[in-house]
Protein backbone atom coordinates (compact mmCIF):
# COMPACT_ATOMS: atom_id res chain seq x y z
CA MET A 1 -0.08 0.03 0.01
CA VAL A 2 2.82 2.42 0.90
CA SER A 3 4.54 1.67 -2.43
CA LEU A 4 1.32 2.26 -4.34
CA LEU A 5 0.72 5.68 -2.57
CA PHE A 6 4.26 6.71 -3.26
CA SER A 7 3.90 5.88 -6.96
CA SER A 8 0.69 7.63 -7.17
CA THR A 9 2.04 10.84 -5.33
CA ALA A 10 5.15 10.82 -7.62
CA THR A 11 2.86 10.72 -10.69
CA TRP A 12 0.87 13.66 -9.59
CA VAL A 13 4.08 15.57 -8.76
CA VAL A 14 5.40 14.87 -12.32
CA LEU A 15 1.97 16.02 -13.88
CA PHE A 16 1.93 19.21 -11.71
CA LEU A 17 5.48 20.22 -12.70
CA ALA A 18 4.64 19.56 -16.35
CA LEU A 19 1.57 21.77 -16.08
CA PHE A 20 3.44 24.40 -14.31
CA GLN A 21 5.98 24.63 -17.12
CA VAL A 22 3.24 24.89 -19.68
CA VAL A 23 1.61 27.77 -17.57
CA LEU A 24 4.89 29.62 -17.45
CA GLY A 25 5.38 29.42 -21.12
CA SER A 26 1.75 30.23 -21.94
CA PRO A 27 0.98 33.37 -23.90
CA LEU A 28 -1.83 34.04 -21.40
CA ILE A 29 1.00 35.28 -18.99
CA PRO A 30 2.91 37.91 -21.06
CA LYS A 31 6.23 39.18 -19.86
CA ARG A 32 6.69 42.93 -19.77
CA ALA A 33 9.34 44.09 -22.31
CA THR A 34 12.57 45.43 -20.93
CA GLY A 35 12.97 49.09 -20.86
CA PRO A 36 11.06 52.21 -19.48
CA TRP A 37 7.35 52.33 -19.18
CA MET A 38 5.02 55.29 -18.73
CA GLY A 39 4.25 56.10 -15.04
CA LEU A 40 2.02 59.07 -15.46
CA ASN A 41 0.09 59.89 -18.57
CA THR A 42 -0.27 63.54 -17.83
CA ASP A 43 2.01 66.71 -17.68
CA PHE A 44 4.59 65.92 -14.97
CA PRO A 45 7.93 67.33 -16.02
CA ASP A 46 11.33 67.02 -14.36
CA PRO A 47 10.29 64.33 -12.05
CA SER A 48 12.25 63.57 -8.78
CA PHE A 49 11.46 61.01 -5.95
CA LEU A 50 12.24 59.67 -2.66
CA LYS A 51 11.18 56.76 -0.54
CA ALA A 52 9.54 58.31 2.50
CA ALA A 53 9.39 57.16 6.26
CA ASP A 54 6.04 55.56 5.62
CA GLY A 55 7.59 53.24 2.98
CA LYS A 56 5.92 54.73 -0.05
CA TRP A 57 7.53 56.33 -3.01
CA TYR A 58 6.73 59.93 -3.74
CA ALA A 59 7.42 61.78 -6.88
CA PHE A 60 7.64 65.64 -7.36
CA GLY A 61 7.11 67.52 -10.63
CA THR A 62 7.44 70.97 -12.23
CA ASN A 63 4.37 73.15 -12.10
CA GLY A 64 1.40 71.67 -13.96
CA ASN A 65 -2.22 70.42 -13.60
CA GLY A 66 -2.99 73.62 -11.64
CA LYS A 67 -0.16 73.19 -9.03
CA ARG A 68 3.03 74.88 -8.33
CA VAL A 69 4.59 71.61 -7.20
CA GLN A 70 2.96 68.32 -8.12
CA VAL A 71 3.02 65.18 -6.17
CA ALA A 72 2.38 61.60 -7.08
CA VAL A 73 2.64 58.39 -4.95
CA SER A 74 3.37 54.75 -5.58
CA ASP A 75 3.56 51.57 -3.35
CA ASP A 76 5.87 49.66 -5.72
CA PHE A 77 7.56 52.27 -7.96
CA SER A 78 5.78 50.72 -10.89
CA LYS A 79 2.23 52.14 -10.75
CA TRP A 80 1.79 55.85 -9.90
CA THR A 81 -1.16 58.02 -8.91
CA LEU A 82 -1.22 61.77 -9.17
CA LEU A 83 -2.39 63.46 -5.98
CA ASP A 84 -4.77 66.41 -5.87
CA ILE A 85 -2.25 68.21 -3.57
CA GLU A 86 -0.45 71.57 -3.73
CA ALA A 87 2.88 70.77 -2.07
CA LEU A 88 4.01 74.46 -2.01
CA PRO A 89 0.92 76.47 -0.91
CA THR A 90 2.82 79.51 0.25
CA LEU A 91 5.70 81.42 -1.40
CA ALA A 92 8.78 83.27 -0.16
CA GLY A 93 9.11 87.03 -0.60
CA TRP A 94 11.77 86.82 -3.41
CA GLU A 95 9.81 84.69 -5.86
CA THR A 96 6.95 85.31 -8.33
CA GLU A 97 3.73 83.14 -8.71
CA ARG A 98 5.10 81.39 -11.91
CA ASP A 99 7.59 78.87 -13.02
CA HIS A 100 8.29 76.49 -10.19
CA TRP A 101 10.58 74.06 -11.71
CA ALA A 102 12.29 70.79 -10.89
CA PRO A 103 11.54 70.23 -7.27
CA ASP A 104 13.62 67.69 -5.35
CA VAL A 105 12.91 66.35 -1.81
CA VAL A 106 15.28 64.72 0.71
CA LEU A 107 14.52 63.31 4.13
CA ARG A 108 16.48 64.99 6.86
CA ALA A 109 17.90 63.03 9.92
CA ASP A 110 15.39 64.83 12.24
CA GLY A 111 12.54 63.32 10.24
CA LYS A 112 11.72 66.64 8.45
CA TYR A 113 11.52 66.82 4.54
CA VAL A 114 13.53 69.37 2.61
CA MET A 115 12.43 70.57 -0.89
CA TYR A 116 14.66 72.29 -3.23
CA TYR A 117 13.02 74.05 -6.26
CA SER A 118 13.58 76.66 -8.83
CA GLY A 119 11.47 79.89 -8.48
CA GLU A 120 11.31 82.98 -10.68
CA SER A 121 13.02 86.02 -9.01
CA LYS A 122 11.11 89.17 -8.50
CA SER A 123 14.21 91.17 -8.82
CA ASP A 124 15.16 89.66 -12.31
CA ILE A 125 12.03 88.45 -14.13
CA SER A 126 12.55 85.34 -16.30
CA HIS A 127 15.54 84.22 -14.24
CA HIS A 128 15.49 81.91 -11.19
CA CYS A 129 16.89 81.23 -7.89
CA ILE A 130 16.94 77.90 -5.93
CA GLY A 131 14.54 78.04 -2.99
CA THR A 132 14.32 75.64 0.01
CA ALA A 133 11.21 74.60 1.93
CA ILE A 134 10.54 72.28 4.92
CA ALA A 135 7.69 70.05 5.74
CA ASP A 136 6.71 67.33 8.29
CA LYS A 137 5.23 65.08 5.61
CA PRO A 138 6.46 64.16 2.10
CA THR A 139 3.25 65.55 0.72
CA GLY A 140 3.68 68.96 2.55
CA PRO A 141 2.61 71.60 3.06
CA TYR A 142 6.29 72.87 2.46
CA VAL A 143 7.02 76.21 4.12
CA PRO A 144 9.62 78.14 2.13
CA ASN A 145 12.63 79.86 3.67
CA GLU A 146 12.99 83.57 2.97
CA THR A 147 16.69 83.24 1.75
CA PRO A 148 17.34 81.38 -1.51
CA LEU A 149 20.12 78.82 -1.58
CA SER A 150 21.56 80.14 -4.78
CA CYS A 151 20.62 82.84 -7.40
CA ARG A 152 23.70 83.79 -9.43
CA LEU A 153 21.38 86.16 -11.39
CA ASP A 154 24.45 87.88 -13.01
CA ARG A 155 25.21 84.54 -14.73
CA GLY A 156 21.62 83.77 -15.62
CA GLY A 157 20.24 82.26 -12.38
CA SER A 158 20.21 78.87 -10.71
CA ILE A 159 17.93 75.97 -11.52
CA ASP A 160 17.63 72.21 -11.50
CA SER A 161 18.66 71.51 -7.85
CA ALA A 162 18.97 67.97 -6.40
CA GLY A 163 20.10 66.90 -2.96
CA PHE A 164 22.74 64.26 -2.20
CA TRP A 165 23.78 62.55 1.02
CA ASP A 166 27.39 61.38 0.89
CA LYS A 167 28.87 58.25 2.54
CA ASP A 168 30.50 60.27 5.36
CA GLY A 169 27.07 61.84 6.21
CA SER A 170 27.71 65.14 4.43
CA ARG A 171 24.96 66.79 2.46
CA TYR A 172 25.26 68.47 -0.80
CA VAL A 173 23.06 70.08 -3.54
CA VAL A 174 23.90 69.88 -7.23
CA PHE A 175 22.37 72.48 -9.61
CA LYS A 176 22.73 74.18 -12.92
CA VAL A 177 23.87 77.80 -13.54
CA ASP A 178 21.28 78.83 -16.14
CA GLY A 179 23.72 80.50 -18.46
CA ASN A 180 21.61 79.83 -21.66
CA SER A 181 18.95 82.23 -20.28
CA VAL A 182 21.44 85.07 -20.95
CA GLY A 183 22.77 83.61 -24.28
CA HIS A 184 22.64 85.22 -27.71
CA GLY A 185 19.67 83.53 -29.34
CA GLY A 186 19.18 80.31 -31.31
CA ASP A 187 18.65 76.82 -29.84
CA CYS A 188 17.53 77.22 -26.22
CA ASN A 189 18.83 80.81 -26.43
CA ASN A 190 22.43 79.60 -26.65
CA GLY A 191 22.96 78.51 -30.23
CA VAL A 192 24.51 81.69 -31.38
CA ALA A 193 28.21 82.39 -30.69
CA PRO A 194 29.68 83.34 -28.33
CA LEU A 195 28.13 80.34 -26.42
CA VAL A 196 27.59 80.83 -22.81
CA SER A 197 28.63 78.49 -20.01
CA THR A 198 25.98 76.39 -18.23
CA PRO A 199 28.04 74.76 -15.48
CA ILE A 200 26.77 72.17 -12.97
CA LEU A 201 27.80 73.19 -9.45
CA LEU A 202 28.14 71.22 -6.19
CA GLN A 203 27.30 73.05 -3.03
CA LYS A 204 27.92 71.48 0.47
CA VAL A 205 25.22 72.20 2.97
CA ALA A 206 24.83 71.75 6.79
CA ALA A 207 22.84 68.87 8.32
CA ASP A 208 19.73 71.15 7.99
CA GLY A 209 20.00 70.83 4.25
CA VAL A 210 19.56 74.48 3.63
CA THR A 211 22.60 76.35 5.15
CA PRO A 212 25.44 76.58 2.57
CA ILE A 213 29.02 75.53 3.69
CA GLY A 214 31.83 77.30 1.80
CA ASP A 215 31.50 78.07 -1.84
CA ALA A 216 30.02 75.90 -4.65
CA VAL A 217 32.44 74.19 -6.99
CA GLN A 218 31.99 73.45 -10.65
CA ILE A 219 31.91 69.77 -11.55
CA LEU A 220 30.67 69.72 -15.12
CA ASP A 221 29.95 72.30 -18.15
CA ARG A 222 28.72 71.93 -21.65
CA ASN A 223 31.28 71.22 -24.36
CA THR A 224 30.43 71.29 -28.12
CA ASN A 225 33.17 68.69 -28.74
CA ASP A 226 31.30 66.22 -26.36
CA GLY A 227 28.09 66.76 -28.43
CA ASP A 228 26.36 68.60 -25.52
CA GLY A 229 24.59 71.23 -27.68
CA PRO A 230 23.80 74.46 -26.09
CA LEU A 231 23.69 73.19 -22.46
CA VAL A 232 24.00 70.58 -19.74
CA GLU A 233 21.24 70.49 -17.12
CA ALA A 234 19.15 68.43 -14.70
CA PRO A 235 21.89 66.94 -12.61
CA SER A 236 21.32 63.94 -10.47
CA LEU A 237 24.20 62.53 -8.25
CA VAL A 238 24.43 59.08 -6.79
CA LEU A 239 27.25 57.00 -5.24
CA HIS A 240 27.67 53.30 -6.14
CA ASN A 241 30.56 51.11 -5.06
CA GLY A 242 32.89 54.04 -4.62
CA VAL A 243 32.00 55.69 -7.92
CA TYR A 244 30.06 58.91 -8.21
CA PHE A 245 27.62 58.90 -11.05
CA LEU A 246 26.41 62.35 -12.20
CA PHE A 247 23.44 62.01 -14.49
CA TYR A 248 22.40 64.90 -16.67
CA SER A 249 20.68 66.04 -19.85
CA THR A 250 22.11 67.69 -22.98
CA HIS A 251 20.68 69.73 -25.82
CA CYS A 252 17.31 71.71 -25.53
CA PHE A 253 14.31 70.13 -23.91
CA THR A 254 12.36 70.94 -27.06
CA ASP A 255 14.97 69.29 -29.39
CA PRO A 256 14.64 65.76 -30.56
CA LYS A 257 18.30 65.36 -29.43
CA TYR A 258 17.47 65.97 -25.77
CA ASP A 259 18.78 62.97 -23.80
CA VAL A 260 20.21 61.59 -20.56
CA ARG A 261 23.82 60.95 -20.15
CA TYR A 262 26.26 60.40 -17.18
CA ALA A 263 29.67 61.16 -15.99
CA THR A 264 31.75 59.41 -13.33
CA ALA A 265 34.35 60.34 -10.65
CA THR A 266 35.97 58.75 -7.68
CA SER A 267 35.85 61.93 -5.69
CA ILE A 268 32.66 64.07 -5.09
CA THR A 269 34.32 67.17 -6.28
CA GLY A 270 35.56 65.39 -9.44
CA PRO A 271 37.21 65.38 -11.81
CA TYR A 272 34.08 63.94 -13.58
CA HIS A 273 34.67 62.04 -16.87
CA LYS A 274 31.84 62.18 -19.33
CA SER A 275 30.97 58.70 -20.75
CA ASN A 276 29.37 60.52 -23.78
CA VAL A 277 26.82 57.57 -23.80
CA GLU A 278 23.26 58.56 -24.53
CA LEU A 279 21.72 56.39 -21.81
CA ILE A 280 18.28 57.38 -23.03
CA LYS A 281 17.64 59.23 -26.27
CA GLY A 282 14.92 60.14 -28.66
CA GLY A 283 13.49 57.25 -30.51
CA ASP A 284 14.34 54.71 -27.96
CA TYR A 285 11.94 52.12 -26.57
CA GLY A 286 9.01 52.63 -28.93
CA GLY A 287 9.79 56.10 -29.94
CA LEU A 288 10.41 58.35 -26.86
CA ILE A 289 10.29 61.99 -27.78
CA SER A 290 13.04 64.30 -26.28
CA PRO A 291 13.52 62.28 -23.05
CA GLY A 292 15.46 63.91 -20.12
CA GLY A 293 15.25 65.60 -16.78
CA ALA A 294 16.11 62.24 -15.00
CA THR A 295 16.43 61.57 -11.31
CA VAL A 296 18.15 58.43 -10.17
CA CYS A 297 17.60 56.63 -6.77
CA GLY A 298 20.50 56.68 -4.33
CA CYS A 299 20.13 52.91 -4.46
CA GLY A 300 21.31 53.04 -8.06
CA ASP A 301 18.70 50.72 -9.52
CA ARG A 302 15.72 52.95 -10.59
CA MET A 303 14.91 56.14 -12.43
CA LEU A 304 12.26 58.64 -13.41
CA PHE A 305 12.48 60.94 -16.32
CA HIS A 306 10.16 62.81 -18.64
CA ALA A 307 9.43 62.74 -22.38
CA TRP A 308 6.80 64.51 -24.53
CA CYS A 309 3.46 62.68 -24.13
CA ASP A 310 2.93 62.72 -27.88
CA SER A 311 3.88 64.54 -31.11
CA SER A 312 1.91 67.66 -30.16
CA LEU A 313 4.69 68.48 -27.81
CA THR A 314 2.30 70.17 -25.30
CA LYS A 315 2.72 67.90 -22.23
CA ARG A 316 5.66 65.92 -20.79
CA CYS A 317 4.66 62.64 -19.24
CA MET A 318 6.55 60.75 -16.44
CA TRP A 319 8.39 57.51 -17.29
CA VAL A 320 9.83 54.89 -15.06
CA ALA A 321 12.99 52.78 -15.67
CA ASN A 322 15.03 50.11 -14.06
CA LEU A 323 18.85 50.91 -13.92
CA GLN A 324 21.99 48.81 -13.68
CA LEU A 325 25.25 50.33 -12.39
CA SER A 326 28.48 48.39 -12.82
CA GLY A 327 31.94 49.82 -12.30
CA THR A 328 31.86 53.12 -14.25
CA THR A 329 28.98 52.03 -16.59
CA ALA A 330 25.19 52.68 -16.27
CA SER A 331 22.65 50.80 -18.50
CA ILE A 332 18.84 50.61 -18.56
CA ALA A 333 17.59 47.20 -17.45
């Protein structure tokens, strides 16, 4: 009887395994293609993100959908929901009502959330400063500080700020000096000689995330020989296995050549060596249109970026991607 039961059980096990293999290979269970996928089919440019203390992922976007600073949420980093929340309900005295660009949020050691964002300066309309704001929750409300972190209005202003927490506990902010805003015309106002510098700067800040320590240092700039076009912008800095990866975009955001590239260094202050690899470019993955403005997770394995939603070029949708970092090389998974 025992032998018979064992034989019967073994037969069912074999049948189950065979059926399981058939199901796995069945077209009824499609596998998602590799590469990026759309996370928000709405206007949500320059997305940044963090994993908050509640275990959820929060994304923040440039003004749109009736908000100065937009917020979206995800439980799994795959499916995202746009929230009907104004993250920045009040403004500082130095900024106008319009053009709140590229917000980025970091979690401070005391449990507070610090937002970096670009706002238009009242003293120099059409040029921007980097503001800071503090909140108790990732969704806000964020209360702005009255003193900007950086303006540099004599050089075109400061935009595209992103926070970074180094391995020794030091905090930094990377940002772009918006030189093309005082250029001489042409592509993104910087296609006519003499071309203006658009450097990426690194500013050390105190543990509060908002108080500058020393002077900012330049870590990257545009170079026609590197195929950068009129600018470099949208910096995002991460550290992986002793290598600093600085992700950035080149060309104009309206240009089909807008893309995501990266440079690497073994010291946070550089020198950074451009890979000149177009990590994500127009036409990739089913026809992305002008992809850029990427933010990379400190964990180094995921990314958000924007691309035009369609050929009308009226809205920029948010896209999600898995990332692989190895040595000094980055690739889309």
